[in-house]
Protein backbone atom coordinates (compact mmCIF):
# COMPACT_ATOMS: atom_id res chain seq x y z
CA MET A 1 78.31 80.62 96.96
CA ALA A 2 78.15 81.61 100.62
CA ASP A 3 80.55 84.19 102.06
CA HIS A 4 82.87 82.56 104.60
CA TYR A 5 84.36 84.18 107.72
CA ASP A 6 86.63 83.12 110.54
CA LEU A 7 84.14 84.60 113.01
CA VAL A 8 80.46 85.39 112.55
CA VAL A 9 79.00 87.59 115.30
CA ILE A 10 75.22 87.82 115.59
CA GLY A 11 74.34 91.07 117.36
CA SER A 12 76.17 94.42 117.53
CA GLY A 13 75.68 95.31 121.19
CA PRO A 14 78.68 95.78 123.52
CA ALA A 15 79.42 92.02 123.62
CA GLY A 16 79.19 91.54 119.87
CA GLN A 17 81.26 94.64 119.07
CA LYS A 18 84.14 93.61 121.32
CA ALA A 19 84.06 90.01 120.12
CA ALA A 20 84.32 91.06 116.47
CA ILE A 21 87.00 93.68 117.06
CA ALA A 22 89.05 91.29 119.21
CA ALA A 23 88.99 88.73 116.39
CA ALA A 24 90.03 91.42 113.89
CA LYS A 25 92.94 92.45 116.12
CA LEU A 26 94.05 88.81 116.05
CA GLY A 27 94.15 88.95 112.26
CA ARG A 28 90.90 87.06 111.68
CA ARG A 29 88.17 87.87 109.17
CA ALA A 30 85.10 88.85 111.17
CA VAL A 31 81.58 90.00 110.36
CA VAL A 32 78.71 91.35 112.47
CA ILE A 33 75.06 90.72 111.59
CA GLU A 34 72.55 93.24 112.93
CA ARG A 35 69.12 94.60 112.06
CA LYS A 36 69.34 97.78 109.98
CA ASN A 37 68.12 100.24 112.61
CA MET A 38 69.68 98.56 115.65
CA VAL A 39 73.42 99.11 115.22
CA GLY A 40 74.78 99.11 118.76
CA GLY A 41 72.01 96.81 119.90
CA VAL A 42 69.57 97.45 122.70
CA CYS A 43 72.36 99.06 124.72
CA ILE A 44 72.64 102.01 122.36
CA ASN A 45 69.11 102.27 121.00
CA THR A 46 66.66 101.54 123.82
CA GLY A 47 68.59 100.45 126.90
CA THR A 48 71.74 101.55 128.70
CA ILE A 49 72.73 104.68 126.77
CA PRO A 50 69.24 106.22 126.37
CA SER A 51 68.27 105.54 129.99
CA LYS A 52 71.52 106.92 131.41
CA THR A 53 71.33 109.96 129.14
CA LEU A 54 67.73 110.47 130.29
CA ARG A 55 68.97 110.32 133.86
CA GLU A 56 71.52 113.07 133.25
CA ALA A 57 68.87 115.23 131.57
CA VAL A 58 66.54 114.71 134.53
CA LEU A 59 69.24 115.63 137.05
CA TYR A 60 70.16 118.77 135.13
CA LEU A 61 66.68 120.05 134.30
CA THR A 62 65.20 119.37 137.73
CA GLY A 63 68.22 120.80 139.55
CA LEU A 64 67.77 117.95 142.01
CA ASN A 65 71.44 117.72 142.99
CA GLN A 66 71.61 121.43 143.77
CA ARG A 67 68.60 121.69 146.06
CA GLU A 68 70.55 121.29 149.28
CA LEU A 69 72.47 124.40 148.29
CA TYR A 70 69.75 126.52 146.66
CA GLY A 71 66.57 125.28 148.31
CA GLN A 72 63.96 122.62 147.60
CA ALA A 73 62.13 124.86 145.12
CA TYR A 74 65.19 125.17 142.85
CA ARG A 75 64.69 123.97 139.26
CA VAL A 76 66.50 124.75 136.03
CA LYS A 77 63.20 124.45 134.10
CA ASP A 78 59.73 124.42 135.60
CA ASP A 79 57.76 122.72 132.83
CA ILE A 80 59.90 119.80 131.64
CA THR A 81 58.64 118.14 128.47
CA VAL A 82 59.49 114.88 126.74
CA GLY A 83 61.12 117.01 124.04
CA ASP A 84 63.49 118.49 126.62
CA LEU A 85 64.48 115.02 127.73
CA SER A 86 64.70 113.36 124.32
CA ALA A 87 66.85 116.03 122.63
CA ARG A 88 69.90 115.05 124.64
CA THR A 89 69.11 111.34 124.27
CA HIS A 90 68.86 111.45 120.47
CA HIS A 91 72.13 113.38 120.21
CA VAL A 92 74.04 110.83 122.29
CA ILE A 93 72.51 107.83 120.49
CA SER A 94 73.48 109.24 117.07
CA ARG A 95 76.99 109.93 118.23
CA GLU A 96 77.46 106.45 119.71
CA ILE A 97 76.15 104.72 116.57
CA ASP A 98 78.64 106.72 114.52
CA VAL A 99 81.47 105.71 116.87
CA ILE A 100 80.53 102.02 116.59
CA ARG A 101 80.32 102.10 112.81
CA ASN A 102 83.69 103.83 112.68
CA GLN A 103 85.32 101.27 115.00
CA LEU A 104 84.02 98.34 112.98
CA SER A 105 85.08 99.94 109.72
CA ARG A 106 88.51 100.91 111.03
CA ASN A 107 89.14 97.32 112.09
CA ARG A 108 87.81 95.97 108.78
CA VAL A 109 84.92 94.16 110.41
CA GLY A 110 82.03 93.62 108.02
CA LEU A 111 78.51 94.76 108.99
CA ILE A 112 75.62 92.94 107.34
CA PRO A 113 72.11 94.37 107.93
CA GLY A 114 69.38 91.84 108.57
CA THR A 115 68.05 89.10 110.83
CA ALA A 116 70.04 85.87 111.13
CA ARG A 117 68.85 82.29 111.60
CA PHE A 118 70.93 79.13 111.79
CA LEU A 119 70.59 76.57 109.01
CA ASP A 120 73.20 74.25 110.51
CA PRO A 121 76.09 74.56 113.02
CA HIS A 122 78.30 76.42 110.51
CA THR A 123 75.73 78.29 108.41
CA VAL A 124 73.33 81.18 108.94
CA GLU A 125 70.83 82.78 106.61
CA VAL A 126 70.47 86.56 106.78
CA GLU A 127 67.28 88.27 105.64
CA ASN A 128 67.27 92.05 105.24
CA GLU A 129 64.34 94.46 105.64
CA VAL A 130 63.16 93.99 102.04
CA GLY A 131 63.23 90.19 102.17
CA ILE A 132 66.50 89.56 100.32
CA ARG A 133 68.37 86.60 101.76
CA GLN A 134 72.03 85.63 101.79
CA THR A 135 73.93 82.73 103.29
CA ILE A 136 76.94 83.18 105.58
CA THR A 137 79.26 80.42 106.79
CA GLY A 138 81.84 80.59 109.56
CA ASP A 139 84.43 78.63 111.47
CA LYS A 140 83.39 80.20 114.77
CA PHE A 141 80.21 81.95 115.89
CA VAL A 142 79.41 84.35 118.72
CA VAL A 143 75.74 84.76 119.62
CA ALA A 144 75.25 88.21 121.16
CA VAL A 145 71.59 88.85 120.36
CA GLY A 146 70.70 90.34 123.73
CA THR A 147 67.24 90.46 125.26
CA ARG A 148 63.89 92.21 125.00
CA PRO A 149 61.37 93.05 127.74
CA ALA A 150 59.32 90.06 128.88
CA ARG A 151 55.66 90.74 128.08
CA PRO A 152 52.92 88.81 129.85
CA SER A 153 50.12 87.95 127.41
CA SER A 154 47.58 89.22 129.94
CA VAL A 155 48.90 92.79 129.72
CA ASP A 156 47.74 95.01 126.84
CA PHE A 157 50.81 97.11 126.00
CA ASP A 158 50.00 100.17 123.91
CA GLY A 159 53.22 102.18 124.13
CA GLN A 160 51.67 105.15 125.93
CA THR A 161 49.52 104.18 128.92
CA ILE A 162 50.95 100.68 129.44
CA VAL A 163 54.61 100.47 128.44
CA ASP A 164 57.66 98.26 128.77
CA SER A 165 61.23 99.52 129.29
CA ASP A 166 61.85 99.76 125.52
CA GLN A 167 58.73 101.88 124.96
CA ILE A 168 59.04 104.25 127.88
CA LEU A 169 61.39 106.60 126.05
CA ASN A 170 58.78 107.14 123.34
CA MET A 171 55.98 108.41 125.56
CA GLU A 172 54.40 111.65 124.38
CA LYS A 173 54.42 113.37 127.78
CA VAL A 174 55.73 113.07 131.31
CA PRO A 175 52.95 111.32 133.27
CA THR A 176 51.59 112.79 136.48
CA SER A 177 51.35 109.33 138.04
CA MET A 178 52.91 105.94 137.32
CA VAL A 179 52.79 102.37 138.62
CA VAL A 180 56.06 100.47 138.15
CA VAL A 181 55.60 96.70 138.17
CA GLY A 182 58.88 95.10 139.18
CA ALA A 183 61.60 96.46 141.47
CA GLY A 184 64.58 95.12 139.56
CA VAL A 185 67.39 97.31 138.28
CA ILE A 186 65.47 98.71 135.29
CA GLY A 187 62.24 99.28 137.22
CA ILE A 188 63.94 101.10 140.09
CA GLU A 189 66.09 103.20 137.77
CA TYR A 190 63.04 104.50 135.89
CA ALA A 191 61.02 104.85 139.09
CA SER A 192 63.67 107.17 140.52
CA MET A 193 63.94 109.22 137.31
CA PHE A 194 60.22 109.86 136.99
CA ALA A 195 59.90 110.54 140.70
CA ALA A 196 62.59 113.20 140.31
CA LEU A 197 60.49 114.73 137.51
CA GLY A 198 57.56 115.02 139.92
CA THR A 199 55.61 111.94 138.82
CA LYS A 200 53.80 110.21 141.68
CA VAL A 201 55.29 106.70 141.52
CA THR A 202 54.08 103.45 143.09
CA VAL A 203 56.38 100.41 142.88
CA VAL A 204 54.86 96.92 143.11
CA GLU A 205 57.22 93.98 143.72
CA LYS A 206 56.30 90.38 144.56
CA ARG A 207 59.57 89.80 146.43
CA PRO A 208 59.97 91.02 150.02
CA ARG A 209 62.74 93.49 149.07
CA MET A 210 64.26 95.14 146.05
CA LEU A 211 67.75 94.65 144.62
CA ASP A 212 68.34 91.68 146.92
CA PHE A 213 71.82 91.09 145.48
CA CYS A 214 72.99 94.45 146.86
CA ASP A 215 74.12 95.36 150.36
CA GLU A 216 71.02 95.70 152.53
CA GLU A 217 72.15 98.90 154.25
CA ILE A 218 72.81 100.56 150.89
CA VAL A 219 69.39 99.49 149.57
CA GLU A 220 67.72 100.88 152.69
CA ALA A 221 69.48 104.21 152.08
CA LEU A 222 68.15 104.24 148.52
CA LYS A 223 64.61 103.44 149.69
CA TYR A 224 64.77 106.33 152.14
CA GLN A 225 65.79 108.76 149.39
CA LEU A 226 63.12 107.46 147.00
CA ARG A 227 60.44 107.80 149.66
CA ASP A 228 61.63 111.38 150.07
CA LEU A 229 60.74 111.77 146.38
CA ALA A 230 57.22 110.47 147.23
CA VAL A 231 57.76 106.95 145.85
CA THR A 232 55.41 104.37 147.44
CA PHE A 233 56.56 100.75 147.73
CA ARG A 234 54.33 97.67 147.83
CA PHE A 235 56.52 94.64 148.52
CA GLY A 236 55.23 91.08 148.68
CA GLU A 237 52.43 91.96 146.26
CA SER A 238 51.62 90.47 142.85
CA VAL A 239 49.73 92.13 140.02
CA LYS A 240 46.50 90.39 139.07
CA THR A 241 45.56 92.58 136.13
CA VAL A 242 46.13 95.98 134.56
CA GLU A 243 43.04 97.68 133.14
CA LYS A 244 42.81 100.60 130.72
CA HIS A 245 40.04 103.15 131.26
CA PRO A 246 39.18 106.54 129.71
CA GLY A 247 40.72 108.27 132.72
CA GLY A 248 43.94 106.22 132.79
CA THR A 249 44.96 102.79 134.10
CA LEU A 250 43.95 100.72 137.10
CA THR A 251 46.43 98.21 138.48
CA ILE A 252 44.71 95.53 140.57
CA LEU A 253 46.79 93.38 142.90
CA GLU A 254 46.12 89.81 143.98
CA SER A 255 45.45 91.18 147.47
CA GLY A 256 42.63 93.30 146.08
CA LYS A 257 44.41 96.67 146.31
CA LYS A 258 43.83 99.01 143.39
CA PHE A 259 46.14 101.76 142.13
CA PRO A 260 44.99 104.31 139.54
CA ALA A 261 47.71 105.90 137.44
CA GLU A 262 48.16 107.71 134.17
CA THR A 263 50.84 105.19 133.06
CA VAL A 264 52.01 101.69 133.99
CA LEU A 265 55.61 100.61 133.39
CA TYR A 266 55.78 96.82 133.29
CA SER A 267 59.35 95.81 134.11
CA ALA A 268 59.16 92.12 134.96
CA GLY A 269 62.42 90.80 133.55
CA ARG A 270 63.74 90.27 130.04
CA GLN A 271 63.55 87.54 127.40
CA GLY A 272 66.48 86.29 125.31
CA VAL A 273 66.05 87.15 121.62
CA THR A 274 66.63 83.58 120.44
CA ASP A 275 63.21 82.63 119.09
CA GLU A 276 63.97 83.78 115.52
CA LEU A 277 67.58 82.56 115.61
CA ASN A 278 66.64 78.87 115.20
CA VAL A 279 69.46 77.76 117.50
CA THR A 280 68.12 74.20 117.55
CA ALA A 281 69.37 73.85 113.96
CA ALA A 282 72.84 74.49 115.33
CA GLY A 283 72.38 71.90 118.07
CA ILE A 284 71.76 74.35 120.91
CA GLU A 285 68.86 74.26 123.34
CA THR A 286 67.69 77.39 125.17
CA ALA A 287 66.90 77.57 128.88
CA ASP A 288 64.28 79.61 130.74
CA ARG A 289 63.25 82.85 129.00
CA GLY A 290 65.34 82.06 125.92
CA ARG A 291 68.67 82.14 127.74
CA ILE A 292 71.66 80.21 126.39
CA GLU A 293 73.80 78.27 128.84
CA VAL A 294 77.59 78.54 128.52
CA ASN A 295 80.74 77.31 130.28
CA GLU A 296 83.45 79.50 131.82
CA TYR A 297 84.87 80.18 128.35
CA PHE A 298 81.41 81.22 127.06
CA GLN A 299 81.12 78.16 124.85
CA THR A 300 77.67 76.73 124.29
CA SER A 301 76.99 73.00 124.07
CA VAL A 302 78.42 73.27 120.54
CA ASP A 303 82.15 73.97 120.95
CA HIS A 304 82.63 76.42 118.07
CA ILE A 305 79.55 78.49 118.98
CA TYR A 306 79.89 80.98 121.83
CA ALA A 307 77.24 83.11 123.54
CA VAL A 308 77.88 86.36 125.42
CA GLY A 309 76.05 89.34 126.88
CA ASP A 310 72.52 89.55 128.21
CA VAL A 311 71.40 86.40 126.37
CA ILE A 312 73.38 84.27 128.87
CA GLY A 313 71.82 85.93 131.92
CA PHE A 314 73.22 87.56 135.06
CA PRO A 315 74.79 90.05 135.46
CA ALA A 316 73.52 91.29 132.07
CA LEU A 317 75.49 94.53 132.18
CA ALA A 318 77.16 96.31 129.28
CA ALA A 319 80.53 96.39 131.05
CA THR A 320 80.65 92.66 131.74
CA SER A 321 79.26 91.90 128.29
CA MET A 322 82.18 93.70 126.65
CA GLU A 323 84.70 91.58 128.52
CA GLN A 324 82.74 88.41 127.80
CA GLY A 325 82.88 89.19 124.08
CA ARG A 326 86.62 89.77 124.11
CA ARG A 327 87.29 86.61 126.09
CA ALA A 328 85.07 84.50 123.83
CA SER A 329 87.02 85.60 120.74
CA TYR A 330 90.37 85.05 122.42
CA HIS A 331 89.38 81.53 123.48
CA ALA A 332 87.94 80.74 120.05
CA PHE A 333 91.26 81.51 118.37
CA GLY A 334 93.59 80.13 121.03
CA GLU A 335 94.75 83.44 122.45
CA PRO A 336 95.68 83.48 126.19
CA VAL A 337 93.14 85.48 128.15
CA GLY A 338 94.29 85.32 131.77
CA GLY A 339 92.28 84.08 134.72
CA LYS A 340 88.59 83.33 134.88
CA LEU A 341 86.22 86.28 134.78
CA GLY A 342 85.63 86.23 138.50
CA ASP A 343 84.02 88.05 141.37
CA LEU A 344 85.61 91.48 140.90
CA GLN A 345 83.10 92.71 138.35
CA PRO A 346 81.68 96.08 139.42
CA ILE A 347 77.91 96.41 139.52
CA GLY A 348 76.48 99.86 138.74
CA ILE A 349 72.83 100.79 139.26
CA TYR A 350 71.93 104.22 137.87
CA THR A 351 69.14 105.12 140.21
CA ILE A 352 68.82 108.61 141.67
CA PRO A 353 71.00 108.47 143.77
CA GLU A 354 73.17 105.78 142.20
CA ILE A 355 74.57 102.57 143.70
CA SER A 356 77.72 100.67 142.85
CA TYR A 357 79.62 97.84 144.45
CA VAL A 358 82.32 95.25 143.90
CA GLY A 359 83.09 92.09 145.85
CA ARG A 360 81.17 90.53 148.72
CA THR A 361 78.25 91.80 150.77
CA GLU A 362 77.87 91.58 154.53
CA ASP A 363 75.27 88.83 154.09
CA ASP A 364 77.68 86.82 151.92
CA LEU A 365 80.49 87.01 154.45
CA THR A 366 78.24 86.31 157.42
CA SER A 367 76.75 83.19 155.79
CA GLU A 368 80.27 81.93 155.01
CA ASN A 369 81.52 82.64 158.57
CA VAL A 370 84.23 84.99 157.32
CA PRO A 371 85.42 87.37 160.07
CA PHE A 372 85.22 90.95 158.83
CA GLU A 373 85.13 94.54 159.96
CA VAL A 374 83.19 97.41 158.42
CA GLY A 375 84.56 100.86 157.71
CA VAL A 376 82.14 103.64 156.75
CA SER A 377 82.59 107.13 155.37
CA ARG A 378 79.68 109.51 154.87
CA TYR A 379 79.70 112.24 152.25
CA ARG A 380 78.39 114.77 154.75
CA GLU A 381 81.76 114.52 156.54
CA LEU A 382 83.69 115.35 153.36
CA ALA A 383 84.30 118.85 152.02
CA ARG A 384 83.54 117.60 148.51
CA GLY A 385 80.22 116.26 149.71
CA ALA A 386 79.30 119.72 150.98
CA ILE A 387 80.42 121.32 147.71
CA LEU A 388 78.26 118.90 145.72
CA GLY A 389 75.31 119.25 148.06
CA ASP A 390 75.26 115.51 148.81
CA SER A 391 74.72 114.85 152.50
CA TYR A 392 73.27 111.35 152.13
CA GLY A 393 76.03 109.52 150.21
CA MET A 394 78.19 106.89 151.85
CA LEU A 395 81.03 104.47 151.14
CA LYS A 396 81.42 101.20 152.99
CA LEU A 397 84.47 98.91 153.08
CA LEU A 398 84.37 95.28 154.19
CA VAL A 399 87.77 94.20 155.51
CA HIS A 400 88.94 90.73 156.54
CA ALA A 401 89.47 90.94 160.31
CA GLU A 402 92.67 88.88 160.19
CA SER A 403 94.33 89.22 156.78
CA ARG A 404 93.19 92.87 156.46
CA GLN A 405 92.35 92.25 152.80
CA LEU A 406 89.63 94.30 151.18
CA LEU A 407 86.64 92.00 150.58
CA GLY A 408 83.95 94.38 149.37
CA VAL A 409 83.29 98.02 148.49
CA HIS A 410 79.77 99.45 148.51
CA VAL A 411 79.00 103.03 147.46
CA PHE A 412 75.78 105.05 147.49
CA GLY A 413 75.45 108.61 146.27
CA SER A 414 77.01 110.99 143.76
CA ASN A 415 79.55 109.40 141.40
CA ALA A 416 79.21 105.99 143.03
CA THR A 417 79.75 104.18 139.73
CA GLU A 418 83.02 106.07 139.19
CA LEU A 419 84.24 105.85 142.78
CA VAL A 420 83.92 102.06 143.06
CA HIS A 421 86.81 101.45 140.66
CA ILE A 422 89.40 102.58 143.21
CA GLY A 423 88.35 99.75 145.49
CA GLN A 424 88.12 97.35 142.55
CA THR A 425 91.75 98.08 141.66
CA VAL A 426 93.00 97.64 145.22
CA MET A 427 91.13 94.34 145.50
CA GLY A 428 92.36 93.15 142.11
CA CYS A 429 95.94 93.75 143.21
CA GLY A 430 95.39 91.89 146.48
CA GLY A 431 95.66 95.07 148.51
CA THR A 432 94.87 95.50 152.16
CA VAL A 433 93.11 98.22 154.07
CA ASP A 434 96.54 99.55 155.06
CA TYR A 435 97.17 100.76 151.52
CA LEU A 436 94.12 102.99 151.78
CA VAL A 437 95.12 104.19 155.26
CA ASP A 438 98.55 105.26 153.99
CA ALA A 439 97.47 106.64 150.60
CA VAL A 440 97.15 110.38 149.97
CA PHE A 441 94.02 111.43 148.06
CA ASN A 442 93.39 114.78 146.41
CA TYR A 443 91.49 117.26 148.57
CA PRO A 444 88.64 117.99 148.32
CA THR A 445 87.41 114.83 146.56
CA LEU A 446 84.93 112.05 147.14
CA ALA A 447 87.86 109.64 146.79
CA GLU A 448 88.89 110.75 150.28
CA SER A 449 86.03 108.59 151.52
CA TYR A 450 88.27 105.55 151.01
CA LYS A 451 90.79 106.84 153.52
CA VAL A 452 88.09 107.85 156.02
CA ALA A 453 86.40 104.43 155.75
CA ALA A 454 89.73 102.61 155.96
CA LEU A 455 90.67 104.49 159.14
CA ASP A 456 87.23 103.69 160.56
CA ALA A 457 87.76 99.97 159.93
CA VAL A 458 91.31 99.97 161.32
CA ASN A 459 90.24 101.87 164.43
CA LYS A 460 87.58 99.24 165.10
CA MET A 461 90.15 96.47 164.65
CA ARG A 462 92.53 98.33 166.95
CA ALA A 463 89.84 98.53 169.64
CA ILE A 464 89.33 94.76 169.46
CA ALA A 465 93.08 94.16 169.67
CA ARG A 466 93.32 96.46 172.70
CA VAL A 467 90.71 94.37 174.51
CA THR A 468 92.04 90.95 173.53
CA SER A 469 95.81 91.50 173.72
CA GLY A 470 96.42 94.80 175.40
CA HIS A 471 98.20 96.15 172.31
CA GLU A 472 97.20 99.42 170.68
CA ASP A 473 97.96 98.22 167.12
CA PRO A 474 96.60 94.90 165.86
CA GLY A 475 99.60 94.66 163.55
CA ARG A 476 99.97 95.48 159.88
CA GLU A 477 101.56 92.26 158.74
CA ARG A 478 99.39 90.78 156.00
CA VAL A 479 98.27 87.23 156.69
CA GLU A 480 97.14 85.19 153.71
CA LEU A 481 93.92 83.43 154.63
CA PRO A 482 91.31 81.75 152.47
CA VAL A 483 88.16 83.85 152.10
């Protein structure tokens, strides 16, 4: 007889974990199905946590963040090996897996090792690593299987000279040269890390610019810093073929250009891991690259089956996936969840230096004819920036020119992914730029940049008011306007 659960979660990444635990907190019987050696999903084992831990190891061992203070030749370790980088990564992965297992156990969420496939809309079959099968039934399902790197059949991946983003952490040595195919988030993050290690990096991207969903000025600042690390960019170019030779690899572009390199990182998007799941047996059809389409409540075309995390597409971030999982469980069991998961989701890109933003971009507002003013603060003007040795960082506020509401926050530089949450909170509470003008921030901190940028925006608005009305102050009364 099949084991029956109120909620069956397929996948133990951030989305699956939070979905299962949320159901358990609501008093429901929940179970998570995951492959034996992948507890925590791609996020913990090959994706977010390993790559961000690698980034911290790179920053520490290269001494990159201290070079403005101690000179460009400063390094903590001259000969950095893969062993140096992986030691920290393995420690963090082990710790996070232990935390996840403990959380599931503490909340009495079952964990079944194996690979799941639907037999019908309420039944899955789970096969473990030795071929033993068991049948699980459930009232509700959450599909949180995540994604894997998309692999063109024309590329011969070998895990050492030609790698995808899951294999790159297993390379035997730090390459002297690398071609990165694809300038998306993952490609640019790894390009910046290896460039910081001294690898000569060439980035090939078929689109005319990278990270086109980010603020253009911020992206230009990142490009400048990466070029300073000797990264070469080839935009508007497509890869024709990648060849392996005794002396390394040769990447040949459609334009005829050729780039020799010791290693090629192919980072051309990701594929939903739905091929083995047999979702058609449950009545669900997949979209492009194995993605599953959902409504605002994360329901699939079958009402009692939900899908969350990377498998549903953009933004495909661990942070948003966690909230999607929680909301899916709440909706499945009739628990109020608040408003729609909207536009105030922070985006963090862990390049060197890092980028983070929340809200609208200048291009968004301009295309929608929304009147706005820009306030900018640069780290080089802050005492904390000097202490950190960060003279290139910046924070930019986009403020509605009439209602004075905060419409967007864009940060580039040290601690950008931490700093953005101040702006996110102000925006979530409907705050105006005047709150930031009047607030007192600890000194010396990078958080001061909010006050500096807010004053910059207000001073620009005051200058306009002086011209148009003759008044020094444009007025601090908040006006509610649609944006």
